[in-house]
């Protein structure tokens, strides 16, 4: 997971990420970009047990101190890699 964290940090700091806002804002309008990025950089990770190649990050690095869950994957292209944030929501 340390290699994953390093990769995620490099991609976030390089602004190489895409957030699926249509999905997130339609269901969870209070989630912000800053909360997602903080969760990716500082949160805890684990592989998604249902989907190969996806990861889940949890973070309390939010303005309201709530716990958010971020589902993401590293998307590889012929030119470069980027983070695709599939969804993010408040953890119940």
PDB file of N, CA and C in Angstrom:
ATOM      1  N   UNK A   1       0.820  -1.202   0.000  1.00  0.00           N
ATOM      2  CA  UNK A   1       0.000   0.000   0.000  1.00  0.00           C
ATOM      3  C   UNK A   1       0.865   1.268   0.000  1.00  0.00           C
ATOM      4  N   UNK A   2       2.106   1.178   0.445  1.00  0.00           N
ATOM      5  CA  UNK A   2       2.972   2.363   0.426  1.00  0.00           C
ATOM      6  C   UNK A   2       3.230   2.835  -0.996  1.00  0.00           C
ATOM      7  N   UNK A   3       3.432   1.877  -1.922  1.00  0.00           N
ATOM      8  CA  UNK A   3       3.643   2.243  -3.324  1.00  0.00           C
ATOM      9  C   UNK A   3       2.379   2.893  -3.888  1.00  0.00           C
ATOM     10  N   UNK A   4       1.217   2.372  -3.524  1.00  0.00           N
ATOM     11  CA  UNK A   4      -0.041   2.960  -3.960  1.00  0.00           C
ATOM     12  C   UNK A   4      -0.161   4.388  -3.444  1.00  0.00           C
ATOM     13  N   UNK A   5       0.146   4.605  -2.177  1.00  0.00           N
ATOM     14  CA  UNK A   5       0.052   5.949  -1.590  1.00  0.00           C
ATOM     15  C   UNK A   5       0.960   6.926  -2.335  1.00  0.00           C
ATOM     16  N   UNK A   6       2.187   6.507  -2.624  1.00  0.00           N
ATOM     17  CA  UNK A   6       3.124   7.362  -3.347  1.00  0.00           C
ATOM     18  C   UNK A   6       2.583   7.699  -4.737  1.00  0.00           C
ATOM     19  N   UNK A   7       2.054   6.708  -5.425  1.00  0.00           N
ATOM     20  CA  UNK A   7       1.476   6.926  -6.753  1.00  0.00           C
ATOM     21  C   UNK A   7       0.298   7.881  -6.682  1.00  0.00           C
ATOM     22  N   UNK A   8      -0.595   7.669  -5.730  1.00  0.00           N
ATOM     23  CA  UNK A   8      -1.766   8.529  -5.567  1.00  0.00           C
ATOM     24  C   UNK A   8      -1.337   9.963  -5.283  1.00  0.00           C
ATOM     25  N   UNK A   9      -0.388  10.149  -4.382  1.00  0.00           N
ATOM     26  CA  UNK A   9       0.069  11.493  -4.055  1.00  0.00           C
ATOM     27  C   UNK A   9       0.669  12.189  -5.278  1.00  0.00           C
ATOM     28  N   UNK A  10       1.479  11.465  -6.050  1.00  0.00           N
ATOM     29  CA  UNK A  10       2.079  12.054  -7.249  1.00  0.00           C
ATOM     30  C   UNK A  10       1.000  12.472  -8.254  1.00  0.00           C
ATOM     31  N   UNK A  11      -0.001  11.636  -8.437  1.00  0.00           N
ATOM     32  CA  UNK A  11      -1.057  11.962  -9.382  1.00  0.00           C
ATOM     33  C   UNK A  11      -1.915  13.137  -8.906  1.00  0.00           C
ATOM     34  N   UNK A  12      -2.246  13.170  -7.622  1.00  0.00           N
ATOM     35  CA  UNK A  12      -3.035  14.289  -7.093  1.00  0.00           C
ATOM     36  C   UNK A  12      -2.239  15.583  -7.196  1.00  0.00           C
ATOM     37  N   UNK A  13      -0.990  15.582  -6.752  1.00  0.00           N
ATOM     38  CA  UNK A  13      -0.183  16.794  -6.802  1.00  0.00           C
ATOM     39  C   UNK A  13       0.074  17.244  -8.233  1.00  0.00           C
ATOM     40  N   UNK A  14       0.088  16.300  -9.174  1.00  0.00           N
ATOM     41  CA  UNK A  14       0.238  16.622 -10.587  1.00  0.00           C
ATOM     42  C   UNK A  14      -1.079  16.959 -11.271  1.00  0.00           C
ATOM     43  N   UNK A  15      -2.159  17.017 -10.480  1.00  0.00           N
ATOM     44  CA  UNK A  15      -3.506  17.316 -10.962  1.00  0.00           C
ATOM     45  C   UNK A  15      -3.942  16.350 -12.063  1.00  0.00           C
ATOM     46  N   UNK A  16      -3.599  15.088 -11.872  1.00  0.00           N
ATOM     47  CA  UNK A  16      -3.964  14.041 -12.825  1.00  0.00           C
ATOM     48  C   UNK A  16      -5.062  13.182 -12.206  1.00  0.00           C
ATOM     49  N   UNK A  17      -6.258  13.753 -12.178  1.00  0.00           N
ATOM     50  CA  UNK A  17      -7.408  13.040 -11.629  1.00  0.00           C
ATOM     51  C   UNK A  17      -8.677  13.532 -12.319  1.00  0.00           C
ATOM     52  N   UNK A  18      -9.666  12.656 -12.346  1.00  0.00           N
ATOM     53  CA  UNK A  18     -10.979  12.978 -12.867  1.00  0.00           C
ATOM     54  C   UNK A  18     -11.980  12.525 -11.817  1.00  0.00           C
ATOM     55  N   UNK A  19     -12.888  13.406 -11.463  1.00  0.00           N
ATOM     56  CA  UNK A  19     -13.905  13.096 -10.457  1.00  0.00           C
ATOM     57  C   UNK A  19     -15.259  13.001 -11.154  1.00  0.00           C
ATOM     58  N   UNK A  20     -15.976  11.925 -10.924  1.00  0.00           N
ATOM     59  CA  UNK A  20     -17.296  11.704 -11.534  1.00  0.00           C
ATOM     60  C   UNK A  20     -18.345  12.536 -10.804  1.00  0.00           C
ATOM     61  N   UNK A  21     -18.335  13.840 -11.061  1.00  0.00           N
ATOM     62  CA  UNK A  21     -19.222  14.750 -10.337  1.00  0.00           C
ATOM     63  C   UNK A  21     -20.698  14.477 -10.601  1.00  0.00           C
ATOM     64  N   UNK A  22     -21.061  14.080 -11.802  1.00  0.00           N
ATOM     65  CA  UNK A  22     -22.477  13.812 -12.081  1.00  0.00           C
ATOM     66  C   UNK A  22     -23.038  12.769 -11.128  1.00  0.00           C
ATOM     67  N   UNK A  23     -22.280  11.721 -10.906  1.00  0.00           N
ATOM     68  CA  UNK A  23     -22.725  10.667  -9.990  1.00  0.00           C
ATOM     69  C   UNK A  23     -22.702  11.154  -8.543  1.00  0.00           C
ATOM     70  N   UNK A  24     -21.621  11.805  -8.141  1.00  0.00           N
ATOM     71  CA  UNK A  24     -21.453  12.219  -6.747  1.00  0.00           C
ATOM     72  C   UNK A  24     -22.465  13.288  -6.357  1.00  0.00           C
ATOM     73  N   UNK A  25     -22.551  14.354  -7.122  1.00  0.00           N
ATOM     74  CA  UNK A  25     -23.419  15.478  -6.750  1.00  0.00           C
ATOM     75  C   UNK A  25     -24.900  15.123  -6.791  1.00  0.00           C
ATOM     76  N   UNK A  26     -25.277  14.172  -7.626  1.00  0.00           N
ATOM     77  CA  UNK A  26     -26.698  13.796  -7.674  1.00  0.00           C
ATOM     78  C   UNK A  26     -27.132  13.068  -6.404  1.00  0.00           C
ATOM     79  N   UNK A  27     -26.205  12.425  -5.738  1.00  0.00           N
ATOM     80  CA  UNK A  27     -26.549  11.654  -4.543  1.00  0.00           C
ATOM     81  C   UNK A  27     -25.955  12.222  -3.247  1.00  0.00           C
ATOM     82  N   UNK A  28     -24.851  12.925  -3.363  1.00  0.00           N
ATOM     83  CA  UNK A  28     -24.125  13.412  -2.182  1.00  0.00           C
ATOM     84  C   UNK A  28     -23.631  14.837  -2.439  1.00  0.00           C
ATOM     85  N   UNK A  29     -24.523  15.812  -2.476  1.00  0.00           N
ATOM     86  CA  UNK A  29     -24.155  17.166  -2.885  1.00  0.00           C
ATOM     87  C   UNK A  29     -23.232  17.912  -1.922  1.00  0.00           C
ATOM     88  N   UNK A  30     -23.051  17.400  -0.724  1.00  0.00           N
ATOM     89  CA  UNK A  30     -22.220  18.099   0.255  1.00  0.00           C
ATOM     90  C   UNK A  30     -20.743  17.692   0.201  1.00  0.00           C
ATOM     91  N   UNK A  31     -20.368  16.760  -0.656  1.00  0.00           N
ATOM     92  CA  UNK A  31     -18.975  16.341  -0.786  1.00  0.00           C
ATOM     93  C   UNK A  31     -18.237  17.367  -1.646  1.00  0.00           C
ATOM     94  N   UNK A  32     -17.044  17.782  -1.197  1.00  0.00           N
ATOM     95  CA  UNK A  32     -16.276  18.778  -1.941  1.00  0.00           C
ATOM     96  C   UNK A  32     -15.029  18.154  -2.571  1.00  0.00           C
ATOM     97  N   UNK A  33     -14.482  18.852  -3.540  1.00  0.00           N
ATOM     98  CA  UNK A  33     -13.251  18.394  -4.181  1.00  0.00           C
ATOM     99  C   UNK A  33     -12.114  18.325  -3.172  1.00  0.00           C
ATOM    100  N   UNK A  34     -12.017  19.322  -2.302  1.00  0.00           N
ATOM    101  CA  UNK A  34     -10.954  19.333  -1.293  1.00  0.00           C
ATOM    102  C   UNK A  34     -11.043  18.110  -0.388  1.00  0.00           C
ATOM    103  N   UNK A  35     -12.247  17.718  -0.008  1.00  0.00           N
ATOM    104  CA  UNK A  35     -12.418  16.542   0.842  1.00  0.00           C
ATOM    105  C   UNK A  35     -11.989  15.273   0.117  1.00  0.00           C
ATOM    106  N   UNK A  36     -12.326  15.179  -1.144  1.00  0.00           N
ATOM    107  CA  UNK A  36     -11.921  14.006  -1.924  1.00  0.00           C
ATOM    108  C   UNK A  36     -10.404  13.953  -2.053  1.00  0.00           C
ATOM    109  N   UNK A  37      -9.792  15.072  -2.411  1.00  0.00           N
ATOM    110  CA  UNK A  37      -8.340  15.084  -2.593  1.00  0.00           C
ATOM    111  C   UNK A  37      -7.605  14.829  -1.284  1.00  0.00           C
ATOM    112  N   UNK A  38      -8.088  15.405  -0.189  1.00  0.00           N
ATOM    113  CA  UNK A  38      -7.473  15.130   1.111  1.00  0.00           C
ATOM    114  C   UNK A  38      -7.604  13.657   1.471  1.00  0.00           C
ATOM    115  N   UNK A  39      -8.745  13.075   1.163  1.00  0.00           N
ATOM    116  CA  UNK A  39      -8.951  11.656   1.427  1.00  0.00           C
ATOM    117  C   UNK A  39      -8.012  10.787   0.613  1.00  0.00           C
ATOM    118  N   UNK A  40      -7.779  11.159  -0.637  1.00  0.00           N
ATOM    119  CA  UNK A  40      -6.856  10.397  -1.470  1.00  0.00           C
ATOM    120  C   UNK A  40      -5.423  10.515  -0.964  1.00  0.00           C
ATOM    121  N   UNK A  41      -5.028  11.699  -0.577  1.00  0.00           N
ATOM    122  CA  UNK A  41      -3.643  11.919  -0.153  1.00  0.00           C
ATOM    123  C   UNK A  41      -3.371  11.372   1.245  1.00  0.00           C
ATOM    124  N   UNK A  42      -4.293  11.588   2.185  1.00  0.00           N
ATOM    125  CA  UNK A  42      -4.034  11.270   3.595  1.00  0.00           C
ATOM    126  C   UNK A  42      -4.848  10.109   4.164  1.00  0.00           C
ATOM    127  N   UNK A  43      -5.833   9.626   3.432  1.00  0.00           N
ATOM    128  CA  UNK A  43      -6.733   8.615   3.978  1.00  0.00           C
ATOM    129  C   UNK A  43      -6.132   7.227   4.055  1.00  0.00           C
ATOM    130  N   UNK A  44      -6.912   6.311   4.587  1.00  0.00           N
ATOM    131  CA  UNK A  44      -6.552   4.893   4.654  1.00  0.00           C
ATOM    132  C   UNK A  44      -7.104   4.206   3.416  1.00  0.00           C
ATOM    133  N   UNK A  45      -6.348   3.258   2.857  1.00  0.00           N
ATOM    134  CA  UNK A  45      -6.755   2.556   1.642  1.00  0.00           C
ATOM    135  C   UNK A  45      -6.950   1.071   1.890  1.00  0.00           C
ATOM    136  N   UNK A  46      -7.786   0.495   1.036  1.00  0.00           N
ATOM    137  CA  UNK A  46      -7.857  -0.956   0.926  1.00  0.00           C
ATOM    138  C   UNK A  46      -8.408  -1.285  -0.448  1.00  0.00           C
ATOM    139  N   UNK A  47      -8.079  -2.455  -0.981  1.00  0.00           N
ATOM    140  CA  UNK A  47      -8.635  -2.856  -2.274  1.00  0.00           C
ATOM    141  C   UNK A  47     -10.145  -3.087  -2.149  1.00  0.00           C
ATOM    142  N   UNK A  48     -10.879  -2.763  -3.186  1.00  0.00           N
ATOM    143  CA  UNK A  48     -12.314  -3.033  -3.232  1.00  0.00           C
ATOM    144  C   UNK A  48     -12.486  -4.536  -3.440  1.00  0.00           C
ATOM    145  N   UNK A  49     -13.195  -5.189  -2.566  1.00  0.00           N
ATOM    146  CA  UNK A  49     -13.328  -6.647  -2.645  1.00  0.00           C
ATOM    147  C   UNK A  49     -14.272  -7.094  -3.756  1.00  0.00           C
ATOM    148  N   UNK A  50     -15.095  -6.166  -4.258  1.00  0.00           N
ATOM    149  CA  UNK A  50     -16.066  -6.524  -5.287  1.00  0.00           C
ATOM    150  C   UNK A  50     -15.583  -6.252  -6.712  1.00  0.00           C
ATOM    151  N   UNK A  51     -14.645  -5.325  -6.875  1.00  0.00           N
ATOM    152  CA  UNK A  51     -14.201  -4.939  -8.215  1.00  0.00           C
ATOM    153  C   UNK A  51     -12.678  -4.914  -8.271  1.00  0.00           C
ATOM    154  N   UNK A  52     -12.128  -5.729  -9.134  1.00  0.00           N
ATOM    155  CA  UNK A  52     -10.683  -5.800  -9.311  1.00  0.00           C
ATOM    156  C   UNK A  52     -10.149  -4.469  -9.850  1.00  0.00           C
ATOM    157  N   UNK A  53      -9.078  -3.985  -9.272  1.00  0.00           N
ATOM    158  CA  UNK A  53      -8.453  -2.752  -9.721  1.00  0.00           C
ATOM    159  C   UNK A  53      -9.000  -1.494  -9.090  1.00  0.00           C
ATOM    160  N   UNK A  54     -10.035  -1.616  -8.285  1.00  0.00           N
ATOM    161  CA  UNK A  54     -10.590  -0.464  -7.572  1.00  0.00           C
ATOM    162  C   UNK A  54     -10.099  -0.456  -6.134  1.00  0.00           C
ATOM    163  N   UNK A  55     -10.086   0.743  -5.560  1.00  0.00           N
ATOM    164  CA  UNK A  55      -9.673   0.918  -4.171  1.00  0.00           C
ATOM    165  C   UNK A  55     -10.691   1.779  -3.443  1.00  0.00           C
ATOM    166  N   UNK A  56     -10.660   1.655  -2.138  1.00  0.00           N
ATOM    167  CA  UNK A  56     -11.504   2.463  -1.269  1.00  0.00           C
ATOM    168  C   UNK A  56     -10.595   3.220  -0.321  1.00  0.00           C
ATOM    169  N   UNK A  57     -10.869   4.507  -0.168  1.00  0.00           N
ATOM    170  CA  UNK A  57     -10.147   5.336   0.789  1.00  0.00           C
ATOM    171  C   UNK A  57     -11.163   5.895   1.779  1.00  0.00           C
ATOM    172  N   UNK A  58     -10.764   5.981   3.033  1.00  0.00           N
ATOM    173  CA  UNK A  58     -11.579   6.610   4.070  1.00  0.00           C
ATOM    174  C   UNK A  58     -10.800   7.785   4.625  1.00  0.00           C
ATOM    175  N   UNK A  59     -11.530   8.849   4.944  1.00  0.00           N
ATOM    176  CA  UNK A  59     -10.858  10.023   5.468  1.00  0.00           C
ATOM    177  C   UNK A  59     -11.767  10.821   6.381  1.00  0.00           C
ATOM    178  N   UNK A  60     -11.188  11.364   7.425  1.00  0.00           N
ATOM    179  CA  UNK A  60     -11.866  12.333   8.287  1.00  0.00           C
ATOM    180  C   UNK A  60     -11.298  13.728   8.048  1.00  0.00           C
ATOM    181  N   UNK A  61     -10.461  13.884   7.036  1.00  0.00           N
ATOM    182  CA  UNK A  61      -9.888  15.182   6.711  1.00  0.00           C
ATOM    183  C   UNK A  61     -10.918  15.999   5.937  1.00  0.00           C
ATOM    184  N   UNK A  62     -12.014  16.301   6.637  1.00  0.00           N
ATOM    185  CA  UNK A  62     -13.114  17.055   6.056  1.00  0.00           C
ATOM    186  C   UNK A  62     -13.363  18.262   6.943  1.00  0.00           C
ATOM    187  N   UNK A  63     -14.080  19.225   6.417  1.00  0.00           N
ATOM    188  CA  UNK A  63     -14.356  20.441   7.187  1.00  0.00           C
ATOM    189  C   UNK A  63     -15.254  20.171   8.385  1.00  0.00           C
ATOM    190  N   UNK A  64     -16.149  19.217   8.243  1.00  0.00           N
ATOM    191  CA  UNK A  64     -17.082  18.933   9.337  1.00  0.00           C
ATOM    192  C   UNK A  64     -16.652  17.738  10.179  1.00  0.00           C
ATOM    193  N   UNK A  65     -15.469  17.199   9.913  1.00  0.00           N
ATOM    194  CA  UNK A  65     -14.922  16.045  10.642  1.00  0.00           C
ATOM    195  C   UNK A  65     -15.734  14.774  10.426  1.00  0.00           C
ATOM    196  N   UNK A  66     -16.545  14.754   9.378  1.00  0.00           N
ATOM    197  CA  UNK A  66     -17.294  13.536   9.073  1.00  0.00           C
ATOM    198  C   UNK A  66     -16.390  12.562   8.311  1.00  0.00           C
ATOM    199  N   UNK A  67     -16.747  11.313   8.341  1.00  0.00           N
ATOM    200  CA  UNK A  67     -15.989  10.275   7.654  1.00  0.00           C
ATOM    201  C   UNK A  67     -16.550  10.112   6.250  1.00  0.00           C
ATOM    202  N   UNK A  68     -15.673  10.223   5.244  1.00  0.00           N
ATOM    203  CA  UNK A  68     -16.131   9.998   3.879  1.00  0.00           C
ATOM    204  C   UNK A  68     -15.413   8.794   3.288  1.00  0.00           C
ATOM    205  N   UNK A  69     -16.102   8.130   2.373  1.00  0.00           N
ATOM    206  CA  UNK A  69     -15.553   6.988   1.647  1.00  0.00           C
ATOM    207  C   UNK A  69     -15.397   7.413   0.193  1.00  0.00           C
ATOM    208  N   UNK A  70     -14.256   7.087  -0.376  1.00  0.00           N
ATOM    209  CA  UNK A  70     -13.946   7.435  -1.753  1.00  0.00           C
ATOM    210  C   UNK A  70     -13.624   6.147  -2.500  1.00  0.00           C
ATOM    211  N   UNK A  71     -14.296   5.909  -3.605  1.00  0.00           N
ATOM    212  CA  UNK A  71     -14.036   4.741  -4.439  1.00  0.00           C
ATOM    213  C   UNK A  71     -13.321   5.245  -5.687  1.00  0.00           C
ATOM    214  N   UNK A  72     -12.160   4.648  -5.986  1.00  0.00           N
ATOM    215  CA  UNK A  72     -11.358   5.136  -7.098  1.00  0.00           C
ATOM    216  C   UNK A  72     -10.553   4.010  -7.733  1.00  0.00           C
ATOM    217  N   UNK A  73      -9.988   4.323  -8.890  1.00  0.00           N
ATOM    218  CA  UNK A  73      -9.043   3.414  -9.528  1.00  0.00           C
ATOM    219  C   UNK A  73      -8.023   4.252 -10.274  1.00  0.00           C
ATOM    220  N   UNK A  74      -6.899   3.632 -10.560  1.00  0.00           N
ATOM    221  CA  UNK A  74      -5.890   4.287 -11.370  1.00  0.00           C
ATOM    222  C   UNK A  74      -6.132   3.856 -12.807  1.00  0.00           C
ATOM    223  N   UNK A  75      -6.449   4.827 -13.627  1.00  0.00           N
ATOM    224  CA  UNK A  75      -6.743   4.580 -15.038  1.00  0.00           C
ATOM    225  C   UNK A  75      -5.456   4.761 -15.837  1.00  0.00           C
ATOM    226  N   UNK A  76      -5.085   3.743 -16.579  1.00  0.00           N
ATOM    227  CA  UNK A  76      -3.880   3.807 -17.390  1.00  0.00           C
ATOM    228  C   UNK A  76      -4.254   4.129 -18.828  1.00  0.00           C
ATOM    229  N   UNK A  77      -3.521   5.066 -19.427  1.00  0.00           N
ATOM    230  CA  UNK A  77      -3.694   5.398 -20.834  1.00  0.00           C
ATOM    231  C   UNK A  77      -2.366   5.157 -21.538  1.00  0.00           C
ATOM    232  N   UNK A  78      -2.348   5.325 -22.840  1.00  0.00           N
ATOM    233  CA  UNK A  78      -1.095   5.130 -23.578  1.00  0.00           C
ATOM    234  C   UNK A  78      -0.082   6.217 -23.241  1.00  0.00           C
ATOM    235  N   UNK A  79      -0.562   7.400 -22.850  1.00  0.00           N
ATOM    236  CA  UNK A  79       0.337   8.514 -22.553  1.00  0.00           C
ATOM    237  C   UNK A  79       0.685   8.656 -21.080  1.00  0.00           C
ATOM    238  N   UNK A  80      -0.263   8.344 -20.208  1.00  0.00           N
ATOM    239  CA  UNK A  80      -0.064   8.642 -18.791  1.00  0.00           C
ATOM    240  C   UNK A  80      -1.090   7.886 -17.947  1.00  0.00           C
ATOM    241  N   UNK A  81      -1.031   8.067 -16.655  1.00  0.00           N
ATOM    242  CA  UNK A  81      -2.006   7.515 -15.720  1.00  0.00           C
ATOM    243  C   UNK A  81      -2.739   8.657 -15.034  1.00  0.00           C
ATOM    244  N   UNK A  82      -3.958   8.369 -14.591  1.00  0.00           N
ATOM    245  CA  UNK A  82      -4.686   9.338 -13.788  1.00  0.00           C
ATOM    246  C   UNK A  82      -5.603   8.584 -12.834  1.00  0.00           C
ATOM    247  N   UNK A  83      -6.056   9.289 -11.801  1.00  0.00           N
ATOM    248  CA  UNK A  83      -6.989   8.723 -10.834  1.00  0.00           C
ATOM    249  C   UNK A  83      -8.399   9.004 -11.335  1.00  0.00           C
ATOM    250  N   UNK A  84      -9.219   7.982 -11.368  1.00  0.00           N
ATOM    251  CA  UNK A  84     -10.637   8.145 -11.665  1.00  0.00           C
ATOM    252  C   UNK A  84     -11.397   7.929 -10.366  1.00  0.00           C
ATOM    253  N   UNK A  85     -11.988   8.990  -9.847  1.00  0.00           N
ATOM    254  CA  UNK A  85     -12.815   8.905  -8.640  1.00  0.00           C
ATOM    255  C   UNK A  85     -14.220   8.532  -9.098  1.00  0.00           C
ATOM    256  N   UNK A  86     -14.626   7.336  -8.745  1.00  0.00           N
ATOM    257  CA  UNK A  86     -15.908   6.798  -9.188  1.00  0.00           C
ATOM    258  C   UNK A  86     -17.055   7.363  -8.364  1.00  0.00           C
ATOM    259  N   UNK A  87     -16.848   7.408  -7.051  1.00  0.00           N
ATOM    260  CA  UNK A  87     -17.861   8.000  -6.175  1.00  0.00           C
ATOM    261  C   UNK A  87     -17.227   8.377  -4.848  1.00  0.00           C
ATOM    262  N   UNK A  88     -17.945   9.189  -4.096  1.00  0.00           N
ATOM    263  CA  UNK A  88     -17.538   9.576  -2.738  1.00  0.00           C
ATOM    264  C   UNK A  88     -18.815   9.883  -1.969  1.00  0.00           C
ATOM    265  N   UNK A  89     -18.836   9.485  -0.714  1.00  0.00           N
ATOM    266  CA  UNK A  89     -20.042   9.711   0.080  1.00  0.00           C
ATOM    267  C   UNK A  89     -19.717   9.653   1.556  1.00  0.00           C
ATOM    268  N   UNK A  90     -20.643  10.194   2.359  1.00  0.00           N
ATOM    269  CA  UNK A  90     -20.518  10.130   3.820  1.00  0.00           C
ATOM    270  C   UNK A  90     -20.657   8.691   4.260  1.00  0.00           C
ATOM    271  N   UNK A  91     -19.768   8.252   5.105  1.00  0.00           N
ATOM    272  CA  UNK A  91     -19.851   6.907   5.677  1.00  0.00           C
ATOM    273  C   UNK A  91     -20.871   6.943   6.792  1.00  0.00           C
ATOM    274  N   UNK A  92     -21.798   6.042   6.752  1.00  0.00           N
ATOM    275  CA  UNK A  92     -22.861   5.971   7.771  1.00  0.00           C
ATOM    276  C   UNK A  92     -22.341   5.339   9.040  1.00  0.00           C
TER     277      UNK A  92
END
